[in-house]
């Protein structure tokens, strides 16, 4: 992206030095793209305008292509995490198994999706939840491993709408878990101002933005499995003296 902007800047300066009367005196984007024969500075110089058209028209077209390409390559970044800062001081959005305080744990995947034009675009990388710790660290299974995620088509500083989905990894995908009616969960759409590279190449990229508007949600389980039994199954513990089988 920075190379595209640098190219655009160099081309504009080159045109300005070769044809100052027709470019440097323009003050708006609209005037920049006037044909030389339409430009007020060229009304009294038809020969110059004719010669300039041969040079300027292809360059105008090239600039338009470059500008379009720049918008297509816009790419912001976010910090894909649901706990940020000491003790969750910046963001604290724990994910639990419905009806319990247990987190999904490392057997669950979680993914960020970009919502735009009535469709969802899965973003990568996908993450997984942490295993439960001991003592105060037992809640670690409620949080996934942080990842830096690129947001294509969105500049840093612009807003975007996201959805987070979680599912039992062995089921293959969120869609498969949803179809099976077991071990899945999702947020409502939420809006974030993304970080990363902005439209001005002279400005350094911003730090990936935290998902500060992310809200907690629960992972749903099959209705015939009690929340207690589900928690036992997730940790691989014994119930009534017998080892409970793993799911599924």
C-alpha atoms as a PDB file:
ATOM      1  CA  UNK A   1       0.000   0.000   0.000  1.00  0.00           C
ATOM      2  CA  UNK A   2       2.813   2.384   0.889  1.00  0.00           C
ATOM      3  CA  UNK A   3       4.470   1.652  -2.460  1.00  0.00           C
ATOM      4  CA  UNK A   4       1.251   2.521  -4.303  1.00  0.00           C
ATOM      5  CA  UNK A   5       0.963   5.854  -2.543  1.00  0.00           C
ATOM      6  CA  UNK A   6       4.638   6.604  -3.161  1.00  0.00           C
ATOM      7  CA  UNK A   7       4.144   5.867  -6.872  1.00  0.00           C
ATOM      8  CA  UNK A   8       1.104   8.138  -6.984  1.00  0.00           C
ATOM      9  CA  UNK A   9       3.040  10.937  -5.306  1.00  0.00           C
ATOM     10  CA  UNK A  10       6.000  10.624  -7.698  1.00  0.00           C
ATOM     11  CA  UNK A  11       3.777  10.593 -10.790  1.00  0.00           C
ATOM     12  CA  UNK A  12       1.896  13.666  -9.626  1.00  0.00           C
ATOM     13  CA  UNK A  13       5.130  15.563  -8.975  1.00  0.00           C
ATOM     14  CA  UNK A  14       6.491  14.522 -12.374  1.00  0.00           C
ATOM     15  CA  UNK A  15       3.389  15.785 -14.156  1.00  0.00           C
ATOM     16  CA  UNK A  16       3.516  19.029 -12.214  1.00  0.00           C
ATOM     17  CA  UNK A  17       7.124  19.715 -13.220  1.00  0.00           C
ATOM     18  CA  UNK A  18       6.530  18.883 -16.900  1.00  0.00           C
ATOM     19  CA  UNK A  19       3.206  20.757 -17.187  1.00  0.00           C
ATOM     20  CA  UNK A  20       3.012  23.316 -14.375  1.00  0.00           C
ATOM     21  CA  UNK A  21       0.390  25.485 -16.053  1.00  0.00           C
ATOM     22  CA  UNK A  22      -1.978  22.553 -16.366  1.00  0.00           C
ATOM     23  CA  UNK A  23      -1.510  20.754 -13.023  1.00  0.00           C
ATOM     24  CA  UNK A  24       0.093  22.759 -10.250  1.00  0.00           C
ATOM     25  CA  UNK A  25      -2.452  25.536 -10.615  1.00  0.00           C
ATOM     26  CA  UNK A  26      -5.305  23.121  -9.984  1.00  0.00           C
ATOM     27  CA  UNK A  27      -6.622  23.314  -6.453  1.00  0.00           C
ATOM     28  CA  UNK A  28      -9.215  20.551  -6.239  1.00  0.00           C
ATOM     29  CA  UNK A  29      -9.445  16.864  -7.072  1.00  0.00           C
ATOM     30  CA  UNK A  30     -12.152  17.644  -9.599  1.00  0.00           C
ATOM     31  CA  UNK A  31      -9.880  20.083 -11.503  1.00  0.00           C
ATOM     32  CA  UNK A  32      -6.963  17.669 -11.412  1.00  0.00           C
ATOM     33  CA  UNK A  33      -8.880  15.234 -13.604  1.00  0.00           C
ATOM     34  CA  UNK A  34     -10.135  17.776 -16.158  1.00  0.00           C
ATOM     35  CA  UNK A  35      -9.023  17.111 -19.681  1.00  0.00           C
ATOM     36  CA  UNK A  36      -6.395  19.653 -20.788  1.00  0.00           C
ATOM     37  CA  UNK A  37      -8.754  21.057 -23.433  1.00  0.00           C
ATOM     38  CA  UNK A  38     -11.324  21.673 -20.675  1.00  0.00           C
ATOM     39  CA  UNK A  39      -8.888  23.291 -18.266  1.00  0.00           C
ATOM     40  CA  UNK A  40      -9.189  27.114 -17.952  1.00  0.00           C
ATOM     41  CA  UNK A  41      -5.412  27.450 -18.288  1.00  0.00           C
ATOM     42  CA  UNK A  42      -5.520  25.821 -21.740  1.00  0.00           C
ATOM     43  CA  UNK A  43      -8.292  27.769 -23.412  1.00  0.00           C
ATOM     44  CA  UNK A  44      -5.849  30.007 -25.286  1.00  0.00           C
ATOM     45  CA  UNK A  45      -3.276  27.314 -26.077  1.00  0.00           C
ATOM     46  CA  UNK A  46      -4.916  24.610 -28.283  1.00  0.00           C
ATOM     47  CA  UNK A  47      -1.598  23.233 -29.572  1.00  0.00           C
ATOM     48  CA  UNK A  48      -0.271  22.738 -26.075  1.00  0.00           C
ATOM     49  CA  UNK A  49      -3.571  21.222 -25.030  1.00  0.00           C
ATOM     50  CA  UNK A  50      -3.514  18.745 -27.916  1.00  0.00           C
ATOM     51  CA  UNK A  51       0.035  17.679 -27.084  1.00  0.00           C
ATOM     52  CA  UNK A  52      -0.741  17.484 -23.407  1.00  0.00           C
ATOM     53  CA  UNK A  53      -3.792  15.296 -23.982  1.00  0.00           C
ATOM     54  CA  UNK A  54      -1.605  12.587 -25.451  1.00  0.00           C
ATOM     55  CA  UNK A  55       0.457  12.525 -22.271  1.00  0.00           C
ATOM     56  CA  UNK A  56      -2.093  13.394 -19.624  1.00  0.00           C
ATOM     57  CA  UNK A  57      -5.018  11.158 -20.584  1.00  0.00           C
ATOM     58  CA  UNK A  58      -3.125   7.857 -20.078  1.00  0.00           C
ATOM     59  CA  UNK A  59      -1.666   9.195 -16.844  1.00  0.00           C
ATOM     60  CA  UNK A  60      -5.102  10.243 -15.588  1.00  0.00           C
ATOM     61  CA  UNK A  61      -6.321   6.738 -16.322  1.00  0.00           C
ATOM     62  CA  UNK A  62      -3.324   5.235 -14.517  1.00  0.00           C
ATOM     63  CA  UNK A  63      -3.931   7.439 -11.492  1.00  0.00           C
ATOM     64  CA  UNK A  64      -7.567   6.355 -11.353  1.00  0.00           C
ATOM     65  CA  UNK A  65      -6.488   2.706 -11.476  1.00  0.00           C
ATOM     66  CA  UNK A  66      -3.952   3.278  -8.719  1.00  0.00           C
ATOM     67  CA  UNK A  67      -6.509   5.018  -6.514  1.00  0.00           C
ATOM     68  CA  UNK A  68      -8.941   2.145  -7.023  1.00  0.00           C
ATOM     69  CA  UNK A  69      -6.239  -0.393  -6.204  1.00  0.00           C
ATOM     70  CA  UNK A  70      -5.308   1.499  -3.042  1.00  0.00           C
ATOM     71  CA  UNK A  71      -8.880   1.318  -1.763  1.00  0.00           C
ATOM     72  CA  UNK A  72      -8.991  -2.402  -2.534  1.00  0.00           C
ATOM     73  CA  UNK A  73      -5.755  -3.033  -0.636  1.00  0.00           C
ATOM     74  CA  UNK A  74      -6.857  -1.105   2.456  1.00  0.00           C
ATOM     75  CA  UNK A  75      -6.072  -3.264   5.453  1.00  0.00           C
ATOM     76  CA  UNK A  76      -6.620  -2.379   9.067  1.00  0.00           C
ATOM     77  CA  UNK A  77      -5.757  -4.568  12.045  1.00  0.00           C
ATOM     78  CA  UNK A  78      -7.343  -5.587  15.338  1.00  0.00           C
ATOM     79  CA  UNK A  79      -6.107  -7.401  18.425  1.00  0.00           C
ATOM     80  CA  UNK A  80      -8.332 -10.481  18.459  1.00  0.00           C
ATOM     81  CA  UNK A  81      -8.570 -11.088  22.211  1.00  0.00           C
ATOM     82  CA  UNK A  82     -11.347 -11.101  24.819  1.00  0.00           C
ATOM     83  CA  UNK A  83      -9.172 -10.153  27.798  1.00  0.00           C
ATOM     84  CA  UNK A  84      -6.728  -7.238  27.565  1.00  0.00           C
ATOM     85  CA  UNK A  85      -4.845  -5.393  30.273  1.00  0.00           C
ATOM     86  CA  UNK A  86      -3.985  -6.354  33.840  1.00  0.00           C
ATOM     87  CA  UNK A  87      -6.976  -8.186  35.262  1.00  0.00           C
ATOM     88  CA  UNK A  88      -8.974  -7.327  32.147  1.00  0.00           C
ATOM     89  CA  UNK A  89      -8.703  -3.583  32.810  1.00  0.00           C
ATOM     90  CA  UNK A  90      -9.000  -2.720  29.100  1.00  0.00           C
ATOM     91  CA  UNK A  91     -11.290  -5.536  27.950  1.00  0.00           C
ATOM     92  CA  UNK A  92     -12.863  -8.382  29.893  1.00  0.00           C
ATOM     93  CA  UNK A  93     -15.438 -10.457  27.987  1.00  0.00           C
ATOM     94  CA  UNK A  94     -15.320 -14.028  29.337  1.00  0.00           C
ATOM     95  CA  UNK A  95     -16.945 -16.848  27.352  1.00  0.00           C
ATOM     96  CA  UNK A  96     -18.629 -19.616  29.334  1.00  0.00           C
ATOM     97  CA  UNK A  97     -20.501 -22.852  28.789  1.00  0.00           C
ATOM     98  CA  UNK A  98     -24.171 -22.003  29.305  1.00  0.00           C
ATOM     99  CA  UNK A  99     -25.326 -22.494  32.880  1.00  0.00           C
ATOM    100  CA  UNK A 100     -21.769 -22.785  34.279  1.00  0.00           C
ATOM    101  CA  UNK A 101     -18.740 -20.637  35.031  1.00  0.00           C
ATOM    102  CA  UNK A 102     -16.535 -23.030  33.063  1.00  0.00           C
ATOM    103  CA  UNK A 103     -14.856 -21.729  29.942  1.00  0.00           C
ATOM    104  CA  UNK A 104     -14.945 -23.669  26.650  1.00  0.00           C
ATOM    105  CA  UNK A 105     -11.289 -24.684  27.000  1.00  0.00           C
ATOM    106  CA  UNK A 106      -8.670 -25.712  24.409  1.00  0.00           C
ATOM    107  CA  UNK A 107     -10.988 -28.040  22.481  1.00  0.00           C
ATOM    108  CA  UNK A 108     -12.880 -25.029  21.148  1.00  0.00           C
ATOM    109  CA  UNK A 109     -11.960 -22.790  18.225  1.00  0.00           C
ATOM    110  CA  UNK A 110     -12.930 -19.134  17.943  1.00  0.00           C
ATOM    111  CA  UNK A 111     -12.931 -16.847  14.910  1.00  0.00           C
ATOM    112  CA  UNK A 112     -13.519 -13.201  14.049  1.00  0.00           C
ATOM    113  CA  UNK A 113     -15.786 -12.388  11.094  1.00  0.00           C
ATOM    114  CA  UNK A 114     -16.216  -9.101   9.235  1.00  0.00           C
ATOM    115  CA  UNK A 115     -19.831  -8.088   8.668  1.00  0.00           C
ATOM    116  CA  UNK A 116     -20.449  -6.003   5.539  1.00  0.00           C
ATOM    117  CA  UNK A 117     -23.060  -5.844   2.770  1.00  0.00           C
ATOM    118  CA  UNK A 118     -25.307  -8.349   4.547  1.00  0.00           C
ATOM    119  CA  UNK A 119     -22.622 -11.041   4.554  1.00  0.00           C
ATOM    120  CA  UNK A 120     -19.963 -12.366   6.923  1.00  0.00           C
ATOM    121  CA  UNK A 121     -16.328 -12.780   5.858  1.00  0.00           C
ATOM    122  CA  UNK A 122     -14.244 -15.130   8.043  1.00  0.00           C
ATOM    123  CA  UNK A 123     -10.925 -13.573   9.065  1.00  0.00           C
ATOM    124  CA  UNK A 124      -7.725 -15.354  10.020  1.00  0.00           C
ATOM    125  CA  UNK A 125      -5.951 -16.566  12.028  1.00  0.00           C
ATOM    126  CA  UNK A 126      -8.410 -18.646  14.054  1.00  0.00           C
ATOM    127  CA  UNK A 127      -7.618 -19.014  17.765  1.00  0.00           C
ATOM    128  CA  UNK A 128      -8.402 -21.542  20.514  1.00  0.00           C
ATOM    129  CA  UNK A 129      -9.357 -21.103  24.157  1.00  0.00           C
ATOM    130  CA  UNK A 130      -6.782 -21.534  26.908  1.00  0.00           C
ATOM    131  CA  UNK A 131      -6.804 -24.593  29.171  1.00  0.00           C
ATOM    132  CA  UNK A 132      -8.102 -24.018  32.714  1.00  0.00           C
ATOM    133  CA  UNK A 133      -5.549 -23.063  35.313  1.00  0.00           C
ATOM    134  CA  UNK A 134      -5.572 -23.623  39.081  1.00  0.00           C
ATOM    135  CA  UNK A 135      -6.775 -21.336  41.838  1.00  0.00           C
ATOM    136  CA  UNK A 136      -7.496 -17.869  40.473  1.00  0.00           C
ATOM    137  CA  UNK A 137      -6.233 -19.047  37.086  1.00  0.00           C
ATOM    138  CA  UNK A 138      -9.141 -21.459  36.673  1.00  0.00           C
ATOM    139  CA  UNK A 139     -10.932 -18.784  34.636  1.00  0.00           C
ATOM    140  CA  UNK A 140      -8.254 -18.865  31.939  1.00  0.00           C
ATOM    141  CA  UNK A 141     -10.393 -21.332  29.945  1.00  0.00           C
ATOM    142  CA  UNK A 142     -12.883 -18.480  29.423  1.00  0.00           C
ATOM    143  CA  UNK A 143     -10.384 -16.594  27.261  1.00  0.00           C
ATOM    144  CA  UNK A 144      -8.736 -17.391  23.938  1.00  0.00           C
ATOM    145  CA  UNK A 145      -5.132 -16.904  22.880  1.00  0.00           C
ATOM    146  CA  UNK A 146      -4.719 -13.376  21.415  1.00  0.00           C
ATOM    147  CA  UNK A 147      -4.071 -13.021  17.682  1.00  0.00           C
ATOM    148  CA  UNK A 148      -3.394 -10.058  15.394  1.00  0.00           C
ATOM    149  CA  UNK A 149      -6.020 -10.156  12.642  1.00  0.00           C
ATOM    150  CA  UNK A 150      -5.915  -8.208   9.358  1.00  0.00           C
ATOM    151  CA  UNK A 151      -9.149  -6.552   8.207  1.00  0.00           C
ATOM    152  CA  UNK A 152      -9.085  -6.328   4.379  1.00  0.00           C
ATOM    153  CA  UNK A 153     -10.854  -3.432   2.699  1.00  0.00           C
ATOM    154  CA  UNK A 154     -10.835  -1.267   5.826  1.00  0.00           C
ATOM    155  CA  UNK A 155      -8.262   1.448   6.593  1.00  0.00           C
ATOM    156  CA  UNK A 156      -6.934   2.004  10.077  1.00  0.00           C
ATOM    157  CA  UNK A 157      -9.092   4.658  11.741  1.00  0.00           C
ATOM    158  CA  UNK A 158     -12.255   3.493   9.980  1.00  0.00           C
ATOM    159  CA  UNK A 159     -15.068   1.614  11.720  1.00  0.00           C
ATOM    160  CA  UNK A 160     -16.069  -1.950  10.905  1.00  0.00           C
ATOM    161  CA  UNK A 161     -18.686  -4.372  12.188  1.00  0.00           C
ATOM    162  CA  UNK A 162     -17.622  -7.760  13.518  1.00  0.00           C
ATOM    163  CA  UNK A 163     -19.037 -11.019  14.859  1.00  0.00           C
ATOM    164  CA  UNK A 164     -17.197 -13.633  16.967  1.00  0.00           C
ATOM    165  CA  UNK A 165     -18.070 -17.325  16.640  1.00  0.00           C
ATOM    166  CA  UNK A 166     -16.899 -20.289  18.722  1.00  0.00           C
ATOM    167  CA  UNK A 167     -17.372 -24.011  18.140  1.00  0.00           C
ATOM    168  CA  UNK A 168     -16.129 -27.426  19.231  1.00  0.00           C
ATOM    169  CA  UNK A 169     -13.109 -27.963  16.986  1.00  0.00           C
ATOM    170  CA  UNK A 170     -13.722 -31.663  16.338  1.00  0.00           C
ATOM    171  CA  UNK A 171     -17.027 -30.829  14.674  1.00  0.00           C
ATOM    172  CA  UNK A 172     -15.091 -29.153  11.863  1.00  0.00           C
ATOM    173  CA  UNK A 173     -16.693 -25.709  11.668  1.00  0.00           C
ATOM    174  CA  UNK A 174     -19.179 -23.352  13.256  1.00  0.00           C
ATOM    175  CA  UNK A 175     -21.701 -24.236  10.552  1.00  0.00           C
ATOM    176  CA  UNK A 176     -21.380 -27.943  11.322  1.00  0.00           C
ATOM    177  CA  UNK A 177     -21.784 -27.331  15.063  1.00  0.00           C
ATOM    178  CA  UNK A 178     -24.821 -25.155  14.414  1.00  0.00           C
ATOM    179  CA  UNK A 179     -26.367 -27.831  12.208  1.00  0.00           C
ATOM    180  CA  UNK A 180     -25.712 -30.456  14.885  1.00  0.00           C
ATOM    181  CA  UNK A 181     -27.239 -28.188  17.526  1.00  0.00           C
ATOM    182  CA  UNK A 182     -24.335 -28.634  19.907  1.00  0.00           C
ATOM    183  CA  UNK A 183     -21.237 -26.844  21.190  1.00  0.00           C
ATOM    184  CA  UNK A 184     -21.391 -23.464  19.453  1.00  0.00           C
ATOM    185  CA  UNK A 185     -21.849 -19.817  20.364  1.00  0.00           C
ATOM    186  CA  UNK A 186     -21.804 -16.388  18.762  1.00  0.00           C
ATOM    187  CA  UNK A 187     -21.864 -12.688  19.592  1.00  0.00           C
ATOM    188  CA  UNK A 188     -24.239 -10.090  18.256  1.00  0.00           C
ATOM    189  CA  UNK A 189     -22.623  -7.728  15.714  1.00  0.00           C
ATOM    190  CA  UNK A 190     -20.444  -5.042  17.302  1.00  0.00           C
ATOM    191  CA  UNK A 191     -18.613  -2.022  15.901  1.00  0.00           C
ATOM    192  CA  UNK A 192     -14.907  -1.256  16.348  1.00  0.00           C
ATOM    193  CA  UNK A 193     -12.611   1.484  15.051  1.00  0.00           C
ATOM    194  CA  UNK A 194      -9.756  -0.582  13.646  1.00  0.00           C
ATOM    195  CA  UNK A 195      -6.042   0.102  13.941  1.00  0.00           C
ATOM    196  CA  UNK A 196      -3.314  -0.645  11.420  1.00  0.00           C
ATOM    197  CA  UNK A 197      -2.378   1.317   8.299  1.00  0.00           C
ATOM    198  CA  UNK A 198      -4.434   4.354   7.365  1.00  0.00           C
ATOM    199  CA  UNK A 199      -4.896   6.045   3.968  1.00  0.00           C
ATOM    200  CA  UNK A 200      -1.920   8.394   4.476  1.00  0.00           C
ATOM    201  CA  UNK A 201       1.359   6.520   3.840  1.00  0.00           C
ATOM    202  CA  UNK A 202       3.328   9.211   5.649  1.00  0.00           C
ATOM    203  CA  UNK A 203       1.604   8.301   8.916  1.00  0.00           C
ATOM    204  CA  UNK A 204       2.949   5.158  10.649  1.00  0.00           C
ATOM    205  CA  UNK A 205       0.403   2.339  11.127  1.00  0.00           C
ATOM    206  CA  UNK A 206      -1.516   2.489  14.391  1.00  0.00           C
ATOM    207  CA  UNK A 207      -1.440  -0.283  16.969  1.00  0.00           C
ATOM    208  CA  UNK A 208      -4.014  -3.030  16.233  1.00  0.00           C
ATOM    209  CA  UNK A 209      -7.259  -1.985  17.913  1.00  0.00           C
ATOM    210  CA  UNK A 210      -8.696  -3.845  20.885  1.00  0.00           C
ATOM    211  CA  UNK A 211     -12.243  -5.184  20.536  1.00  0.00           C
ATOM    212  CA  UNK A 212     -13.461  -2.949  23.353  1.00  0.00           C
ATOM    213  CA  UNK A 213     -17.128  -3.279  22.363  1.00  0.00           C
ATOM    214  CA  UNK A 214     -17.044  -7.099  22.436  1.00  0.00           C
ATOM    215  CA  UNK A 215     -19.591  -8.619  24.847  1.00  0.00           C
ATOM    216  CA  UNK A 216     -19.536 -11.961  26.670  1.00  0.00           C
ATOM    217  CA  UNK A 217     -21.551 -14.866  25.294  1.00  0.00           C
ATOM    218  CA  UNK A 218     -22.178 -18.511  26.142  1.00  0.00           C
ATOM    219  CA  UNK A 219     -21.442 -21.714  24.271  1.00  0.00           C
ATOM    220  CA  UNK A 220     -24.622 -23.752  23.920  1.00  0.00           C
ATOM    221  CA  UNK A 221     -24.750 -27.503  24.547  1.00  0.00           C
ATOM    222  CA  UNK A 222     -27.238 -30.255  23.761  1.00  0.00           C
ATOM    223  CA  UNK A 223     -30.408 -29.983  25.804  1.00  0.00           C
ATOM    224  CA  UNK A 224     -30.103 -33.507  27.204  1.00  0.00           C
ATOM    225  CA  UNK A 225     -26.656 -32.801  28.691  1.00  0.00           C
ATOM    226  CA  UNK A 226     -26.851 -30.957  31.997  1.00  0.00           C
ATOM    227  CA  UNK A 227     -24.473 -27.986  32.385  1.00  0.00           C
ATOM    228  CA  UNK A 228     -22.768 -29.832  35.264  1.00  0.00           C
ATOM    229  CA  UNK A 229     -22.199 -32.975  33.216  1.00  0.00           C
ATOM    230  CA  UNK A 230     -20.933 -30.871  30.280  1.00  0.00           C
ATOM    231  CA  UNK A 231     -18.376 -29.192  32.536  1.00  0.00           C
ATOM    232  CA  UNK A 232     -17.261 -32.628  33.772  1.00  0.00           C
ATOM    233  CA  UNK A 233     -16.934 -33.857  30.189  1.00  0.00           C
ATOM    234  CA  UNK A 234     -14.859 -30.855  29.163  1.00  0.00           C
ATOM    235  CA  UNK A 235     -12.294 -31.328  31.911  1.00  0.00           C
ATOM    236  CA  UNK A 236     -12.164 -35.132  31.503  1.00  0.00           C
ATOM    237  CA  UNK A 237     -12.983 -35.637  35.184  1.00  0.00           C
ATOM    238  CA  UNK A 238     -14.696 -38.629  36.730  1.00  0.00           C
ATOM    239  CA  UNK A 239     -18.334 -38.641  37.716  1.00  0.00           C
ATOM    240  CA  UNK A 240     -19.652 -41.102  40.284  1.00  0.00           C
ATOM    241  CA  UNK A 241     -16.402 -43.048  40.218  1.00  0.00           C
ATOM    242  CA  UNK A 242     -16.452 -43.592  36.431  1.00  0.00           C
ATOM    243  CA  UNK A 243     -14.544 -41.646  33.808  1.00  0.00           C
ATOM    244  CA  UNK A 244     -16.909 -39.670  31.626  1.00  0.00           C
ATOM    245  CA  UNK A 245     -16.294 -40.133  27.905  1.00  0.00           C
ATOM    246  CA  UNK A 246     -14.995 -37.259  25.846  1.00  0.00           C
ATOM    247  CA  UNK A 247     -17.339 -35.385  23.533  1.00  0.00           C
ATOM    248  CA  UNK A 248     -18.534 -36.044  20.978  1.00  0.00           C
END
